[in-house]
Amino acid sequence: MSEAVKIYTIPTCSDCHFAKRYLKERNVPYTEYNCEENPAYAEEVRELTGKSIVPTIVINDQVFVGFADNLDEIRKLIP
């Protein structure tokens, strides 16, 4: 994977924790953007998706809103 994965999160989001664990277990580098700590990150999520939902995951310019609902597609990019 040429660039690190971006993941927009909040600390209380269980889907965010599952997504980060999935990436860690596969040794995939990622950058976490905590939307609760920095409102600018929440604005980035709205610009990317038109929604305010976390986790929002960006992999090679593909944007995924949520983790569990997109796991099949994410597995194609990160087996």
N, C-alpha and C. Protein backbone atom coordinates (compact mmCIF):
# COMPACT_ATOMS: atom_id res chain seq x y z
N MET A 1 0.86 -1.17 0.00
CA MET A 1 0.00 0.00 0.00
C MET A 1 0.90 1.23 0.00
N SER A 2 0.69 2.11 -0.94
CA SER A 2 1.61 3.21 -1.14
C SER A 2 1.47 4.33 -0.11
N GLU A 3 0.28 4.53 0.43
CA GLU A 3 0.11 5.59 1.42
C GLU A 3 -0.64 5.03 2.61
N ALA A 4 -0.43 5.68 3.74
CA ALA A 4 -1.09 5.23 4.96
C ALA A 4 -2.59 5.46 4.84
N VAL A 5 -3.31 4.63 5.51
CA VAL A 5 -4.75 4.74 5.59
C VAL A 5 -5.08 5.88 6.56
N LYS A 6 -6.15 6.60 6.27
CA LYS A 6 -6.65 7.63 7.17
C LYS A 6 -7.92 7.10 7.82
N ILE A 7 -8.05 7.32 9.12
CA ILE A 7 -9.26 6.90 9.80
C ILE A 7 -9.71 8.01 10.75
N TYR A 8 -10.92 8.48 10.54
CA TYR A 8 -11.51 9.53 11.36
C TYR A 8 -12.35 8.85 12.43
N THR A 9 -12.12 9.22 13.70
CA THR A 9 -12.72 8.50 14.82
C THR A 9 -13.21 9.46 15.90
N ILE A 10 -13.91 8.86 16.88
CA ILE A 10 -14.12 9.47 18.19
C ILE A 10 -13.84 8.38 19.22
N PRO A 11 -13.44 8.73 20.42
CA PRO A 11 -13.02 7.73 21.41
C PRO A 11 -14.10 6.73 21.83
N THR A 12 -15.36 7.11 21.79
CA THR A 12 -16.42 6.23 22.28
C THR A 12 -17.03 5.34 21.20
N CYS A 13 -16.48 5.34 20.02
CA CYS A 13 -17.05 4.60 18.88
C CYS A 13 -16.48 3.18 18.83
N SER A 14 -17.34 2.18 19.06
CA SER A 14 -16.86 0.79 19.04
C SER A 14 -16.44 0.36 17.63
N ASP A 15 -17.14 0.83 16.61
CA ASP A 15 -16.77 0.49 15.23
C ASP A 15 -15.38 1.05 14.90
N CYS A 16 -15.06 2.22 15.46
CA CYS A 16 -13.73 2.81 15.28
C CYS A 16 -12.66 1.91 15.89
N HIS A 17 -12.94 1.38 17.09
CA HIS A 17 -11.98 0.49 17.76
C HIS A 17 -11.78 -0.79 16.96
N PHE A 18 -12.87 -1.34 16.41
CA PHE A 18 -12.75 -2.55 15.59
C PHE A 18 -11.92 -2.27 14.34
N ALA A 19 -12.14 -1.12 13.71
CA ALA A 19 -11.40 -0.77 12.50
C ALA A 19 -9.91 -0.64 12.79
N LYS A 20 -9.57 0.05 13.86
CA LYS A 20 -8.16 0.23 14.22
C LYS A 20 -7.51 -1.11 14.54
N ARG A 21 -8.24 -1.97 15.25
CA ARG A 21 -7.69 -3.30 15.56
C ARG A 21 -7.45 -4.10 14.28
N TYR A 22 -8.40 -4.05 13.36
CA TYR A 22 -8.25 -4.75 12.07
C TYR A 22 -6.97 -4.29 11.37
N LEU A 23 -6.74 -2.99 11.32
CA LEU A 23 -5.55 -2.46 10.66
C LEU A 23 -4.28 -2.86 11.39
N LYS A 24 -4.29 -2.77 12.71
CA LYS A 24 -3.10 -3.14 13.50
C LYS A 24 -2.75 -4.61 13.32
N GLU A 25 -3.77 -5.48 13.32
CA GLU A 25 -3.52 -6.91 13.17
C GLU A 25 -2.90 -7.25 11.82
N ARG A 26 -3.10 -6.38 10.84
CA ARG A 26 -2.56 -6.60 9.50
C ARG A 26 -1.32 -5.75 9.24
N ASN A 27 -0.82 -5.10 10.29
CA ASN A 27 0.37 -4.25 10.19
C ASN A 27 0.23 -3.18 9.12
N VAL A 28 -0.97 -2.62 9.00
CA VAL A 28 -1.23 -1.57 8.03
C VAL A 28 -1.04 -0.22 8.73
N PRO A 29 -0.12 0.60 8.24
CA PRO A 29 0.04 1.92 8.85
C PRO A 29 -1.18 2.79 8.59
N TYR A 30 -1.57 3.54 9.59
CA TYR A 30 -2.71 4.45 9.42
C TYR A 30 -2.49 5.69 10.27
N THR A 31 -3.18 6.73 9.87
CA THR A 31 -3.18 7.96 10.65
C THR A 31 -4.58 8.15 11.18
N GLU A 32 -4.67 8.34 12.50
CA GLU A 32 -5.97 8.53 13.14
C GLU A 32 -6.24 10.01 13.33
N TYR A 33 -7.45 10.40 13.00
CA TYR A 33 -7.90 11.79 13.17
C TYR A 33 -9.07 11.77 14.14
N ASN A 34 -8.84 12.25 15.35
CA ASN A 34 -9.86 12.25 16.40
C ASN A 34 -10.75 13.47 16.24
N CYS A 35 -11.96 13.23 15.77
CA CYS A 35 -12.91 14.32 15.48
C CYS A 35 -13.41 15.01 16.75
N GLU A 36 -13.32 14.32 17.86
CA GLU A 36 -13.76 14.92 19.12
C GLU A 36 -12.73 15.93 19.62
N GLU A 37 -11.46 15.62 19.43
CA GLU A 37 -10.39 16.52 19.88
C GLU A 37 -10.20 17.70 18.94
N ASN A 38 -10.46 17.50 17.66
CA ASN A 38 -10.23 18.56 16.69
C ASN A 38 -11.43 18.68 15.75
N PRO A 39 -12.25 19.72 15.94
CA PRO A 39 -13.44 19.89 15.10
C PRO A 39 -13.13 20.02 13.60
N ALA A 40 -11.92 20.41 13.26
CA ALA A 40 -11.54 20.51 11.85
C ALA A 40 -11.60 19.14 11.18
N TYR A 41 -11.29 18.09 11.94
CA TYR A 41 -11.37 16.74 11.38
C TYR A 41 -12.82 16.35 11.11
N ALA A 42 -13.72 16.74 11.99
CA ALA A 42 -15.14 16.47 11.77
C ALA A 42 -15.62 17.18 10.51
N GLU A 43 -15.10 18.37 10.27
CA GLU A 43 -15.45 19.11 9.06
C GLU A 43 -14.91 18.38 7.82
N GLU A 44 -13.71 17.83 7.92
CA GLU A 44 -13.15 17.05 6.81
C GLU A 44 -14.05 15.87 6.48
N VAL A 45 -14.58 15.20 7.51
CA VAL A 45 -15.49 14.07 7.29
C VAL A 45 -16.72 14.55 6.54
N ARG A 46 -17.30 15.68 6.94
CA ARG A 46 -18.47 16.21 6.25
C ARG A 46 -18.16 16.56 4.80
N GLU A 47 -16.96 17.10 4.55
CA GLU A 47 -16.57 17.43 3.18
C GLU A 47 -16.38 16.17 2.34
N LEU A 48 -15.82 15.13 2.94
CA LEU A 48 -15.58 13.87 2.22
C LEU A 48 -16.86 13.11 1.92
N THR A 49 -17.80 13.14 2.88
CA THR A 49 -18.94 12.23 2.81
C THR A 49 -20.30 12.91 2.76
N GLY A 50 -20.35 14.17 3.18
CA GLY A 50 -21.64 14.82 3.31
C GLY A 50 -22.38 14.40 4.57
N LYS A 51 -21.70 13.65 5.42
CA LYS A 51 -22.28 13.13 6.66
C LYS A 51 -21.34 13.37 7.81
N SER A 52 -21.83 13.12 9.01
CA SER A 52 -21.01 13.23 10.23
C SER A 52 -20.96 11.87 10.91
N ILE A 53 -20.39 10.90 10.23
CA ILE A 53 -20.37 9.53 10.73
C ILE A 53 -18.92 9.05 10.83
N VAL A 54 -18.61 8.40 11.97
CA VAL A 54 -17.32 7.77 12.16
C VAL A 54 -17.55 6.29 12.44
N PRO A 55 -16.60 5.44 12.13
CA PRO A 55 -15.37 5.83 11.46
C PRO A 55 -15.61 6.14 9.99
N THR A 56 -14.87 7.10 9.51
CA THR A 56 -14.75 7.33 8.08
C THR A 56 -13.32 6.92 7.75
N ILE A 57 -13.18 6.04 6.80
CA ILE A 57 -11.88 5.46 6.46
C ILE A 57 -11.55 5.79 5.02
N VAL A 58 -10.34 6.28 4.79
CA VAL A 58 -9.89 6.60 3.44
C VAL A 58 -8.72 5.68 3.11
N ILE A 59 -8.91 4.90 2.04
CA ILE A 59 -7.87 3.98 1.58
C ILE A 59 -7.67 4.23 0.09
N ASN A 60 -6.49 4.71 -0.26
CA ASN A 60 -6.18 4.97 -1.67
C ASN A 60 -7.30 5.76 -2.38
N ASP A 61 -7.72 6.83 -1.79
CA ASP A 61 -8.76 7.71 -2.34
C ASP A 61 -10.16 7.11 -2.33
N GLN A 62 -10.33 5.93 -1.79
CA GLN A 62 -11.67 5.37 -1.61
C GLN A 62 -12.13 5.70 -0.19
N VAL A 63 -13.34 6.21 -0.08
CA VAL A 63 -13.87 6.65 1.20
C VAL A 63 -14.95 5.67 1.66
N PHE A 64 -14.81 5.20 2.89
CA PHE A 64 -15.77 4.27 3.48
C PHE A 64 -16.36 4.92 4.72
N VAL A 65 -17.69 4.95 4.78
CA VAL A 65 -18.39 5.49 5.95
C VAL A 65 -18.84 4.30 6.77
N GLY A 66 -18.21 4.13 7.92
CA GLY A 66 -18.46 2.96 8.76
C GLY A 66 -17.47 1.86 8.44
N PHE A 67 -17.34 0.94 9.38
CA PHE A 67 -16.40 -0.17 9.19
C PHE A 67 -17.13 -1.48 8.92
N ALA A 68 -17.98 -1.91 9.82
CA ALA A 68 -18.63 -3.22 9.69
C ALA A 68 -19.41 -3.32 8.39
N ASP A 69 -20.12 -2.27 8.02
CA ASP A 69 -20.92 -2.31 6.79
C ASP A 69 -20.07 -2.35 5.52
N ASN A 70 -18.81 -1.97 5.64
CA ASN A 70 -17.92 -1.92 4.48
C ASN A 70 -16.79 -2.95 4.54
N LEU A 71 -16.87 -3.86 5.48
CA LEU A 71 -15.77 -4.79 5.70
C LEU A 71 -15.42 -5.61 4.46
N ASP A 72 -16.42 -6.05 3.72
CA ASP A 72 -16.13 -6.84 2.51
C ASP A 72 -15.30 -6.04 1.51
N GLU A 73 -15.64 -4.79 1.30
CA GLU A 73 -14.89 -3.94 0.38
C GLU A 73 -13.50 -3.62 0.93
N ILE A 74 -13.42 -3.37 2.23
CA ILE A 74 -12.12 -3.08 2.86
C ILE A 74 -11.20 -4.30 2.77
N ARG A 75 -11.76 -5.49 2.94
CA ARG A 75 -10.95 -6.71 2.84
C ARG A 75 -10.36 -6.90 1.45
N LYS A 76 -11.02 -6.39 0.43
CA LYS A 76 -10.44 -6.47 -0.93
C LYS A 76 -9.19 -5.61 -1.05
N LEU A 77 -9.14 -4.52 -0.29
CA LEU A 77 -7.98 -3.63 -0.34
C LEU A 77 -6.94 -4.00 0.70
N ILE A 78 -7.41 -4.52 1.84
CA ILE A 78 -6.52 -4.91 2.95
C ILE A 78 -6.93 -6.30 3.39
N PRO A 79 -6.37 -7.31 2.75
CA PRO A 79 -6.78 -8.69 3.10
C PRO A 79 -6.31 -9.13 4.49
